[in-house]
Amino acid sequence: MWAAVSAAHTEDQYERGCDEAHQGGVYKNVNRGIVALVFRCRPEGGSERVSDESTAVDWLTPAEVSARMAEVYAVRLLDALRDDRAPAVRTHDRRRLLGG
């Protein structure tokens, strides 16, 4: 797990200028066999910035996340915003969440 946290920290610093804090969840697209690890981060210095891999940095409320994103992607951010620190584990088929 430490390797995943270290990799997320490096990626977060590169893409947005933030430092990683806690893992938000593990999400598997069963149709494509893709697993996404999502981390909750907070700025710990520097400033937000775009990179070659991003076009914008936005700060959104949970309601804005739900309004702007498809459920299978919005849930990743909403899970990361939960107060408990236990990572969520979810599966989806690219269109809807599967299971409980």
PDB file of N, CA and C in Angstrom:
ATOM      1  N   MET A   1       0.812  -1.183   0.000  1.00  0.00           N
ATOM      2  CA  MET A   1       0.000   0.000   0.000  1.00  0.00           C
ATOM      3  C   MET A   1       0.863   1.257   0.000  1.00  0.00           C
ATOM      4  N   TRP A   2       1.976   1.263   0.711  1.00  0.00           N
ATOM      5  CA  TRP A   2       2.829   2.444   0.770  1.00  0.00           C
ATOM      6  C   TRP A   2       3.286   2.872  -0.624  1.00  0.00           C
ATOM      7  N   ALA A   3       3.562   1.902  -1.502  1.00  0.00           N
ATOM      8  CA  ALA A   3       3.982   2.247  -2.861  1.00  0.00           C
ATOM      9  C   ALA A   3       2.875   2.996  -3.591  1.00  0.00           C
ATOM     10  N   ALA A   4       1.618   2.569  -3.400  1.00  0.00           N
ATOM     11  CA  ALA A   4       0.490   3.257  -4.045  1.00  0.00           C
ATOM     12  C   ALA A   4       0.337   4.668  -3.496  1.00  0.00           C
ATOM     13  N   VAL A   5       0.478   4.834  -2.198  1.00  0.00           N
ATOM     14  CA  VAL A   5       0.367   6.162  -1.585  1.00  0.00           C
ATOM     15  C   VAL A   5       1.491   7.061  -2.085  1.00  0.00           C
ATOM     16  N   SER A   6       2.711   6.532  -2.161  1.00  0.00           N
ATOM     17  CA  SER A   6       3.848   7.302  -2.646  1.00  0.00           C
ATOM     18  C   SER A   6       3.643   7.718  -4.104  1.00  0.00           C
ATOM     19  N   ALA A   7       3.149   6.807  -4.930  1.00  0.00           N
ATOM     20  CA  ALA A   7       2.902   7.119  -6.341  1.00  0.00           C
ATOM     21  C   ALA A   7       1.814   8.182  -6.471  1.00  0.00           C
ATOM     22  N   ALA A   8       0.764   8.080  -5.665  1.00  0.00           N
ATOM     23  CA  ALA A   8      -0.310   9.071  -5.713  1.00  0.00           C
ATOM     24  C   ALA A   8       0.202  10.439  -5.294  1.00  0.00           C
ATOM     25  N   HIS A   9       1.048  10.474  -4.296  1.00  0.00           N
ATOM     26  CA  HIS A   9       1.621  11.731  -3.821  1.00  0.00           C
ATOM     27  C   HIS A   9       2.419  12.398  -4.939  1.00  0.00           C
ATOM     28  N   THR A  10       3.252  11.643  -5.604  1.00  0.00           N
ATOM     29  CA  THR A  10       4.068  12.172  -6.697  1.00  0.00           C
ATOM     30  C   THR A  10       3.181  12.674  -7.824  1.00  0.00           C
ATOM     31  N   GLU A  11       2.163  11.906  -8.206  1.00  0.00           N
ATOM     32  CA  GLU A  11       1.255  12.290  -9.290  1.00  0.00           C
ATOM     33  C   GLU A  11       0.474  13.544  -8.921  1.00  0.00           C
ATOM     34  N   ASP A  12      -0.007  13.610  -7.696  1.00  0.00           N
ATOM     35  CA  ASP A  12      -0.758  14.775  -7.240  1.00  0.00           C
ATOM     36  C   ASP A  12       0.102  16.031  -7.273  1.00  0.00           C
ATOM     37  N   GLN A  13       1.328  15.926  -6.829  1.00  0.00           N
ATOM     38  CA  GLN A  13       2.221  17.082  -6.859  1.00  0.00           C
ATOM     39  C   GLN A  13       2.453  17.533  -8.301  1.00  0.00           C
ATOM     40  N   TYR A  14       2.623  16.588  -9.208  1.00  0.00           N
ATOM     41  CA  TYR A  14       2.883  16.920 -10.603  1.00  0.00           C
ATOM     42  C   TYR A  14       1.663  17.567 -11.257  1.00  0.00           C
ATOM     43  N   GLU A  15       0.490  16.931 -11.097  1.00  0.00           N
ATOM     44  CA  GLU A  15      -0.685  17.384 -11.835  1.00  0.00           C
ATOM     45  C   GLU A  15      -1.340  18.627 -11.263  1.00  0.00           C
ATOM     46  N   ARG A  16      -1.378  18.760  -9.948  1.00  0.00           N
ATOM     47  CA  ARG A  16      -2.140  19.863  -9.375  1.00  0.00           C
ATOM     48  C   ARG A  16      -1.378  20.691  -8.355  1.00  0.00           C
ATOM     49  N   GLY A  17      -0.203  20.285  -7.989  1.00  0.00           N
ATOM     50  CA  GLY A  17       0.534  21.032  -6.990  1.00  0.00           C
ATOM     51  C   GLY A  17       0.022  20.803  -5.582  1.00  0.00           C
ATOM     52  N   CYS A  18      -0.651  19.674  -5.337  1.00  0.00           N
ATOM     53  CA  CYS A  18      -1.181  19.346  -4.008  1.00  0.00           C
ATOM     54  C   CYS A  18      -0.391  18.193  -3.403  1.00  0.00           C
ATOM     55  N   ASP A  19      -0.535  18.015  -2.114  1.00  0.00           N
ATOM     56  CA  ASP A  19       0.034  16.858  -1.442  1.00  0.00           C
ATOM     57  C   ASP A  19      -1.083  15.901  -1.076  1.00  0.00           C
ATOM     58  N   GLU A  20      -0.865  14.609  -1.263  1.00  0.00           N
ATOM     59  CA  GLU A  20      -1.852  13.568  -0.993  1.00  0.00           C
ATOM     60  C   GLU A  20      -2.035  13.393   0.502  1.00  0.00           C
ATOM     61  N   ALA A  21      -3.252  13.011   0.922  1.00  0.00           N
ATOM     62  CA  ALA A  21      -3.522  12.809   2.332  1.00  0.00           C
ATOM     63  C   ALA A  21      -3.980  11.390   2.638  1.00  0.00           C
ATOM     64  N   HIS A  22      -5.131  10.945   2.116  1.00  0.00           N
ATOM     65  CA  HIS A  22      -5.698   9.641   2.461  1.00  0.00           C
ATOM     66  C   HIS A  22      -6.330   8.984   1.242  1.00  0.00           C
ATOM     67  N   GLN A  23      -6.325   7.650   1.237  1.00  0.00           N
ATOM     68  CA  GLN A  23      -6.963   6.933   0.139  1.00  0.00           C
ATOM     69  C   GLN A  23      -8.474   7.038   0.275  1.00  0.00           C
ATOM     70  N   GLY A  24      -9.150   7.385  -0.812  1.00  0.00           N
ATOM     71  CA  GLY A  24     -10.607   7.504  -0.814  1.00  0.00           C
ATOM     72  C   GLY A  24     -11.308   6.226  -1.221  1.00  0.00           C
ATOM     73  N   GLY A  25     -10.715   5.466  -2.151  1.00  0.00           N
ATOM     74  CA  GLY A  25     -11.379   4.243  -2.563  1.00  0.00           C
ATOM     75  C   GLY A  25     -10.703   3.528  -3.709  1.00  0.00           C
ATOM     76  N   VAL A  26     -11.245   2.339  -3.988  1.00  0.00           N
ATOM     77  CA  VAL A  26     -10.799   1.487  -5.083  1.00  0.00           C
ATOM     78  C   VAL A  26     -12.031   1.227  -5.939  1.00  0.00           C
ATOM     79  N   TYR A  27     -11.922   1.484  -7.243  1.00  0.00           N
ATOM     80  CA  TYR A  27     -13.068   1.409  -8.145  1.00  0.00           C
ATOM     81  C   TYR A  27     -12.700   0.556  -9.353  1.00  0.00           C
ATOM     82  N   LYS A  28     -13.514  -0.475  -9.608  1.00  0.00           N
ATOM     83  CA  LYS A  28     -13.214  -1.389 -10.709  1.00  0.00           C
ATOM     84  C   LYS A  28     -14.297  -1.325 -11.768  1.00  0.00           C
ATOM     85  N   ASN A  29     -13.870  -1.064 -13.009  1.00  0.00           N
ATOM     86  CA  ASN A  29     -14.741  -1.120 -14.171  1.00  0.00           C
ATOM     87  C   ASN A  29     -14.723  -2.574 -14.636  1.00  0.00           C
ATOM     88  N   VAL A  30     -15.811  -3.313 -14.372  1.00  0.00           N
ATOM     89  CA  VAL A  30     -15.833  -4.747 -14.677  1.00  0.00           C
ATOM     90  C   VAL A  30     -15.869  -5.030 -16.170  1.00  0.00           C
ATOM     91  N   ASN A  31     -16.364  -4.111 -16.968  1.00  0.00           N
ATOM     92  CA  ASN A  31     -16.409  -4.327 -18.422  1.00  0.00           C
ATOM     93  C   ASN A  31     -15.020  -4.244 -19.050  1.00  0.00           C
ATOM     94  N   ARG A  32     -14.180  -3.387 -18.532  1.00  0.00           N
ATOM     95  CA  ARG A  32     -12.874  -3.161 -19.140  1.00  0.00           C
ATOM     96  C   ARG A  32     -11.722  -3.685 -18.302  1.00  0.00           C
ATOM     97  N   GLY A  33     -11.978  -4.173 -17.087  1.00  0.00           N
ATOM     98  CA  GLY A  33     -10.912  -4.682 -16.235  1.00  0.00           C
ATOM     99  C   GLY A  33      -9.966  -3.600 -15.748  1.00  0.00           C
ATOM    100  N   ILE A  34     -10.480  -2.392 -15.555  1.00  0.00           N
ATOM    101  CA  ILE A  34      -9.664  -1.265 -15.106  1.00  0.00           C
ATOM    102  C   ILE A  34      -9.923  -1.014 -13.625  1.00  0.00           C
ATOM    103  N   VAL A  35      -8.862  -0.823 -12.867  1.00  0.00           N
ATOM    104  CA  VAL A  35      -8.983  -0.484 -11.447  1.00  0.00           C
ATOM    105  C   VAL A  35      -8.421   0.922 -11.251  1.00  0.00           C
ATOM    106  N   ALA A  36      -9.204   1.767 -10.594  1.00  0.00           N
ATOM    107  CA  ALA A  36      -8.774   3.139 -10.296  1.00  0.00           C
ATOM    108  C   ALA A  36      -8.628   3.293  -8.788  1.00  0.00           C
ATOM    109  N   LEU A  37      -7.494   3.823  -8.358  1.00  0.00           N
ATOM    110  CA  LEU A  37      -7.282   4.169  -6.961  1.00  0.00           C
ATOM    111  C   LEU A  37      -7.490   5.669  -6.834  1.00  0.00           C
ATOM    112  N   VAL A  38      -8.320   6.077  -5.905  1.00  0.00           N
ATOM    113  CA  VAL A  38      -8.644   7.487  -5.726  1.00  0.00           C
ATOM    114  C   VAL A  38      -8.167   7.930  -4.351  1.00  0.00           C
ATOM    115  N   PHE A  39      -7.528   9.089  -4.298  1.00  0.00           N
ATOM    116  CA  PHE A  39      -6.976   9.610  -3.050  1.00  0.00           C
ATOM    117  C   PHE A  39      -7.556  10.977  -2.732  1.00  0.00           C
ATOM    118  N   ARG A  40      -7.763  11.213  -1.466  1.00  0.00           N
ATOM    119  CA  ARG A  40      -8.179  12.530  -0.991  1.00  0.00           C
ATOM    120  C   ARG A  40      -6.917  13.338  -0.731  1.00  0.00           C
ATOM    121  N   CYS A  41      -6.865  14.533  -1.255  1.00  0.00           N
ATOM    122  CA  CYS A  41      -5.680  15.351  -1.037  1.00  0.00           C
ATOM    123  C   CYS A  41      -6.077  16.713  -0.508  1.00  0.00           C
ATOM    124  N   ARG A  42      -5.114  17.399   0.030  1.00  0.00           N
ATOM    125  CA  ARG A  42      -5.328  18.770   0.483  1.00  0.00           C
ATOM    126  C   ARG A  42      -4.079  19.554   0.142  1.00  0.00           C
ATOM    127  N   PRO A  43      -4.261  20.808  -0.190  1.00  0.00           N
ATOM    128  CA  PRO A  43      -3.074  21.615  -0.481  1.00  0.00           C
ATOM    129  C   PRO A  43      -2.257  21.819   0.787  1.00  0.00           C
ATOM    130  N   GLU A  44      -0.960  21.627   0.680  1.00  0.00           N
ATOM    131  CA  GLU A  44      -0.067  21.811   1.829  1.00  0.00           C
ATOM    132  C   GLU A  44       1.056  22.774   1.492  1.00  0.00           C
ATOM    133  N   GLY A  45       0.864  23.538   0.479  1.00  0.00           N
ATOM    134  CA  GLY A  45       1.877  24.499   0.051  1.00  0.00           C
ATOM    135  C   GLY A  45       1.781  24.705  -1.439  1.00  0.00           C
ATOM    136  N   GLY A  46       2.384  25.750  -1.911  1.00  0.00           N
ATOM    137  CA  GLY A  46       2.334  26.040  -3.338  1.00  0.00           C
ATOM    138  C   GLY A  46       0.952  26.520  -3.730  1.00  0.00           C
ATOM    139  N   SER A  47       0.615  26.383  -5.004  1.00  0.00           N
ATOM    140  CA  SER A  47      -0.697  26.808  -5.484  1.00  0.00           C
ATOM    141  C   SER A  47      -1.177  25.850  -6.557  1.00  0.00           C
ATOM    142  N   GLU A  48      -2.484  25.869  -6.802  1.00  0.00           N
ATOM    143  CA  GLU A  48      -3.058  25.012  -7.826  1.00  0.00           C
ATOM    144  C   GLU A  48      -2.505  25.408  -9.187  1.00  0.00           C
ATOM    145  N   ARG A  49      -2.391  24.415 -10.066  1.00  0.00           N
ATOM    146  CA  ARG A  49      -1.921  24.718 -11.417  1.00  0.00           C
ATOM    147  C   ARG A  49      -2.329  23.598 -12.358  1.00  0.00           C
ATOM    148  N   VAL A  50      -2.456  23.924 -13.604  1.00  0.00           N
ATOM    149  CA  VAL A  50      -2.724  22.915 -14.623  1.00  0.00           C
ATOM    150  C   VAL A  50      -1.384  22.381 -15.122  1.00  0.00           C
ATOM    151  N   SER A  51      -1.441  21.268 -15.833  1.00  0.00           N
ATOM    152  CA  SER A  51      -0.233  20.657 -16.391  1.00  0.00           C
ATOM    153  C   SER A  51      -0.540  20.172 -17.799  1.00  0.00           C
ATOM    154  N   ASP A  52       0.385  19.433 -18.376  1.00  0.00           N
ATOM    155  CA  ASP A  52       0.156  18.849 -19.697  1.00  0.00           C
ATOM    156  C   ASP A  52      -0.989  17.837 -19.669  1.00  0.00           C
ATOM    157  N   GLU A  53      -1.340  17.319 -18.476  1.00  0.00           N
ATOM    158  CA  GLU A  53      -2.382  16.306 -18.347  1.00  0.00           C
ATOM    159  C   GLU A  53      -3.685  16.844 -17.780  1.00  0.00           C
ATOM    160  N   SER A  54      -3.776  18.145 -17.574  1.00  0.00           N
ATOM    161  CA  SER A  54      -5.013  18.730 -17.046  1.00  0.00           C
ATOM    162  C   SER A  54      -5.256  20.085 -17.705  1.00  0.00           C
ATOM    163  N   THR A  55      -6.527  20.486 -17.721  1.00  0.00           N
ATOM    164  CA  THR A  55      -6.875  21.768 -18.339  1.00  0.00           C
ATOM    165  C   THR A  55      -7.441  22.764 -17.347  1.00  0.00           C
ATOM    166  N   ALA A  56      -7.845  22.289 -16.158  1.00  0.00           N
ATOM    167  CA  ALA A  56      -8.440  23.183 -15.162  1.00  0.00           C
ATOM    168  C   ALA A  56      -8.326  22.565 -13.781  1.00  0.00           C
ATOM    169  N   VAL A  57      -8.362  23.411 -12.779  1.00  0.00           N
ATOM    170  CA  VAL A  57      -8.442  22.980 -11.386  1.00  0.00           C
ATOM    171  C   VAL A  57      -9.656  23.683 -10.800  1.00  0.00           C
ATOM    172  N   ASP A  58     -10.616  22.920 -10.279  1.00  0.00           N
ATOM    173  CA  ASP A  58     -11.828  23.487  -9.700  1.00  0.00           C
ATOM    174  C   ASP A  58     -12.037  22.944  -8.299  1.00  0.00           C
ATOM    175  N   TRP A  59     -12.580  23.758  -7.429  1.00  0.00           N
ATOM    176  CA  TRP A  59     -12.987  23.349  -6.088  1.00  0.00           C
ATOM    177  C   TRP A  59     -14.504  23.267  -6.124  1.00  0.00           C
ATOM    178  N   LEU A  60     -15.067  22.081  -5.855  1.00  0.00           N
ATOM    179  CA  LEU A  60     -16.503  21.851  -5.984  1.00  0.00           C
ATOM    180  C   LEU A  60     -17.120  21.408  -4.669  1.00  0.00           C
ATOM    181  N   THR A  61     -18.368  21.783  -4.455  1.00  0.00           N
ATOM    182  CA  THR A  61     -19.137  21.257  -3.330  1.00  0.00           C
ATOM    183  C   THR A  61     -19.622  19.853  -3.717  1.00  0.00           C
ATOM    184  N   PRO A  62     -20.022  19.030  -2.738  1.00  0.00           N
ATOM    185  CA  PRO A  62     -20.579  17.715  -3.091  1.00  0.00           C
ATOM    186  C   PRO A  62     -21.764  17.823  -4.057  1.00  0.00           C
ATOM    187  N   ALA A  63     -22.618  18.821  -3.885  1.00  0.00           N
ATOM    188  CA  ALA A  63     -23.762  18.985  -4.792  1.00  0.00           C
ATOM    189  C   ALA A  63     -23.295  19.291  -6.216  1.00  0.00           C
ATOM    190  N   GLU A  64     -22.260  20.094  -6.358  1.00  0.00           N
ATOM    191  CA  GLU A  64     -21.720  20.415  -7.687  1.00  0.00           C
ATOM    192  C   GLU A  64     -21.088  19.185  -8.326  1.00  0.00           C
ATOM    193  N   VAL A  65     -20.415  18.362  -7.528  1.00  0.00           N
ATOM    194  CA  VAL A  65     -19.837  17.114  -8.042  1.00  0.00           C
ATOM    195  C   VAL A  65     -20.944  16.246  -8.618  1.00  0.00           C
ATOM    196  N   SER A  66     -22.022  16.054  -7.850  1.00  0.00           N
ATOM    197  CA  SER A  66     -23.139  15.213  -8.298  1.00  0.00           C
ATOM    198  C   SER A  66     -23.802  15.770  -9.551  1.00  0.00           C
ATOM    199  N   ALA A  67     -23.901  17.083  -9.651  1.00  0.00           N
ATOM    200  CA  ALA A  67     -24.557  17.707 -10.806  1.00  0.00           C
ATOM    201  C   ALA A  67     -23.701  17.644 -12.070  1.00  0.00           C
ATOM    202  N   ARG A  68     -22.393  17.701 -11.937  1.00  0.00           N
ATOM    203  CA  ARG A  68     -21.499  17.781 -13.106  1.00  0.00           C
ATOM    204  C   ARG A  68     -21.015  16.441 -13.636  1.00  0.00           C
ATOM    205  N   MET A  69     -21.083  15.400 -12.810  1.00  0.00           N
ATOM    206  CA  MET A  69     -20.439  14.139 -13.180  1.00  0.00           C
ATOM    207  C   MET A  69     -21.422  12.977 -13.193  1.00  0.00           C
ATOM    208  N   ALA A  70     -21.156  11.993 -14.042  1.00  0.00           N
ATOM    209  CA  ALA A  70     -21.918  10.745 -14.018  1.00  0.00           C
ATOM    210  C   ALA A  70     -21.711  10.064 -12.665  1.00  0.00           C
ATOM    211  N   GLU A  71     -22.724   9.335 -12.216  1.00  0.00           N
ATOM    212  CA  GLU A  71     -22.689   8.707 -10.892  1.00  0.00           C
ATOM    213  C   GLU A  71     -21.421   7.879 -10.643  1.00  0.00           C
ATOM    214  N   VAL A  72     -20.989   7.089 -11.635  1.00  0.00           N
ATOM    215  CA  VAL A  72     -19.841   6.200 -11.415  1.00  0.00           C
ATOM    216  C   VAL A  72     -18.543   6.965 -11.192  1.00  0.00           C
ATOM    217  N   TYR A  73     -18.496   8.224 -11.602  1.00  0.00           N
ATOM    218  CA  TYR A  73     -17.313   9.054 -11.368  1.00  0.00           C
ATOM    219  C   TYR A  73     -17.515   9.979 -10.171  1.00  0.00           C
ATOM    220  N   ALA A  74     -18.709  10.510 -10.003  1.00  0.00           N
ATOM    221  CA  ALA A  74     -19.001  11.391  -8.864  1.00  0.00           C
ATOM    222  C   ALA A  74     -18.810  10.660  -7.542  1.00  0.00           C
ATOM    223  N   VAL A  75     -19.191   9.391  -7.486  1.00  0.00           N
ATOM    224  CA  VAL A  75     -19.095   8.641  -6.229  1.00  0.00           C
ATOM    225  C   VAL A  75     -17.648   8.562  -5.746  1.00  0.00           C
ATOM    226  N   ARG A  76     -16.695   8.593  -6.655  1.00  0.00           N
ATOM    227  CA  ARG A  76     -15.287   8.548  -6.261  1.00  0.00           C
ATOM    228  C   ARG A  76     -14.911   9.771  -5.430  1.00  0.00           C
ATOM    229  N   LEU A  77     -15.351  10.928  -5.870  1.00  0.00           N
ATOM    230  CA  LEU A  77     -15.058  12.151  -5.120  1.00  0.00           C
ATOM    231  C   LEU A  77     -15.874  12.214  -3.834  1.00  0.00           C
ATOM    232  N   LEU A  78     -17.138  11.811  -3.912  1.00  0.00           N
ATOM    233  CA  LEU A  78     -17.988  11.848  -2.722  1.00  0.00           C
ATOM    234  C   LEU A  78     -17.476  10.880  -1.652  1.00  0.00           C
ATOM    235  N   ASP A  79     -17.001   9.711  -2.071  1.00  0.00           N
ATOM    236  CA  ASP A  79     -16.406   8.767  -1.107  1.00  0.00           C
ATOM    237  C   ASP A  79     -15.173   9.384  -0.442  1.00  0.00           C
ATOM    238  N   ALA A  80     -14.350  10.054  -1.218  1.00  0.00           N
ATOM    239  CA  ALA A  80     -13.125  10.644  -0.671  1.00  0.00           C
ATOM    240  C   ALA A  80     -13.435  11.760   0.325  1.00  0.00           C
ATOM    241  N   LEU A  81     -14.583  12.388   0.198  1.00  0.00           N
ATOM    242  CA  LEU A  81     -14.961  13.477   1.096  1.00  0.00           C
ATOM    243  C   LEU A  81     -15.591  13.006   2.405  1.00  0.00           C
ATOM    244  N   ARG A  82     -15.871  11.715   2.506  1.00  0.00           N
ATOM    245  CA  ARG A  82     -16.460  11.204   3.756  1.00  0.00           C
ATOM    246  C   ARG A  82     -15.514  11.441   4.915  1.00  0.00           C
ATOM    247  N   ASP A  83     -16.069  11.608   6.095  1.00  0.00           N
ATOM    248  CA  ASP A  83     -15.255  11.854   7.281  1.00  0.00           C
ATOM    249  C   ASP A  83     -14.505  10.624   7.760  1.00  0.00           C
ATOM    250  N   ASP A  84     -15.083   9.422   7.555  1.00  0.00           N
ATOM    251  CA  ASP A  84     -14.340   8.228   7.981  1.00  0.00           C
ATOM    252  C   ASP A  84     -13.182   7.998   7.017  1.00  0.00           C
ATOM    253  N   ARG A  85     -12.168   7.329   7.466  1.00  0.00           N
ATOM    254  CA  ARG A  85     -10.958   7.160   6.645  1.00  0.00           C
ATOM    255  C   ARG A  85     -10.894   5.796   5.964  1.00  0.00           C
ATOM    256  N   ALA A  86     -11.937   4.981   6.106  1.00  0.00           N
ATOM    257  CA  ALA A  86     -11.927   3.658   5.478  1.00  0.00           C
ATOM    258  C   ALA A  86     -12.150   3.813   3.971  1.00  0.00           C
ATOM    259  N   PRO A  87     -11.280   3.254   3.140  1.00  0.00           N
ATOM    260  CA  PRO A  87     -11.460   3.370   1.685  1.00  0.00           C
ATOM    261  C   PRO A  87     -12.710   2.626   1.220  1.00  0.00           C
ATOM    262  N   ALA A  88     -13.415   3.180   0.285  1.00  0.00           N
ATOM    263  CA  ALA A  88     -14.556   2.515  -0.335  1.00  0.00           C
ATOM    264  C   ALA A  88     -14.034   1.533  -1.381  1.00  0.00           C
ATOM    265  N   VAL A  89     -14.778   0.461  -1.601  1.00  0.00           N
ATOM    266  CA  VAL A  89     -14.464  -0.497  -2.663  1.00  0.00           C
ATOM    267  C   VAL A  89     -15.751  -0.674  -3.458  1.00  0.00           C
ATOM    268  N   ARG A  90     -15.716  -0.281  -4.729  1.00  0.00           N
ATOM    269  CA  ARG A  90     -16.932  -0.316  -5.555  1.00  0.00           C
ATOM    270  C   ARG A  90     -16.617  -0.866  -6.946  1.00  0.00           C
ATOM    271  N   THR A  91     -17.669  -1.424  -7.567  1.00  0.00           N
ATOM    272  CA  THR A  91     -17.558  -1.882  -8.951  1.00  0.00           C
ATOM    273  C   THR A  91     -18.624  -1.177  -9.783  1.00  0.00           C
ATOM    274  N   HIS A  92     -18.330  -1.027 -11.066  1.00  0.00           N
ATOM    275  CA  HIS A  92     -19.294  -0.412 -11.980  1.00  0.00           C
ATOM    276  C   HIS A  92     -19.081  -0.968 -13.380  1.00  0.00           C
ATOM    277  N   ASP A  93     -20.043  -0.691 -14.240  1.00  0.00           N
ATOM    278  CA  ASP A  93     -19.945  -1.159 -15.627  1.00  0.00           C
ATOM    279  C   ASP A  93     -19.764  -0.001 -16.605  1.00  0.00           C
ATOM    280  N   ARG A  94     -19.258   1.101 -16.125  1.00  0.00           N
ATOM    281  CA  ARG A  94     -19.016   2.352 -16.849  1.00  0.00           C
ATOM    282  C   ARG A  94     -20.240   3.238 -16.919  1.00  0.00           C
ATOM    283  N   ARG A  95     -21.411   2.680 -16.646  1.00  0.00           N
ATOM    284  CA  ARG A  95     -22.639   3.476 -16.668  1.00  0.00           C
ATOM    285  C   ARG A  95     -23.311   3.576 -15.309  1.00  0.00           C
ATOM    286  N   ARG A  96     -23.222   2.495 -14.508  1.00  0.00           N
ATOM    287  CA  ARG A  96     -23.888   2.502 -13.209  1.00  0.00           C
ATOM    288  C   ARG A  96     -23.094   1.662 -12.213  1.00  0.00           C
ATOM    289  N   LEU A  97     -23.285   2.001 -10.936  1.00  0.00           N
ATOM    290  CA  LEU A  97     -22.652   1.225  -9.869  1.00  0.00           C
ATOM    291  C   LEU A  97     -23.324  -0.135  -9.785  1.00  0.00           C
ATOM    292  N   LEU A  98     -22.542  -1.156  -9.445  1.00  0.00           N
ATOM    293  CA  LEU A  98     -23.048  -2.518  -9.320  1.00  0.00           C
ATOM    294  C   LEU A  98     -22.979  -2.945  -7.857  1.00  0.00           C
ATOM    295  N   GLY A  99     -23.902  -3.759  -7.422  1.00  0.00           N
ATOM    296  CA  GLY A  99     -23.876  -4.246  -6.051  1.00  0.00           C
ATOM    297  C   GLY A  99     -24.372  -3.199  -5.067  1.00  0.00           C
ATOM    298  N   GLY A 100     -24.285  -3.568  -3.767  1.00  0.00           N
ATOM    299  CA  GLY A 100     -24.772  -2.698  -2.691  1.00  0.00           C
ATOM    300  C   GLY A 100     -23.907  -1.584  -2.479  1.00  0.00           C
TER     301      GLY A 100
END
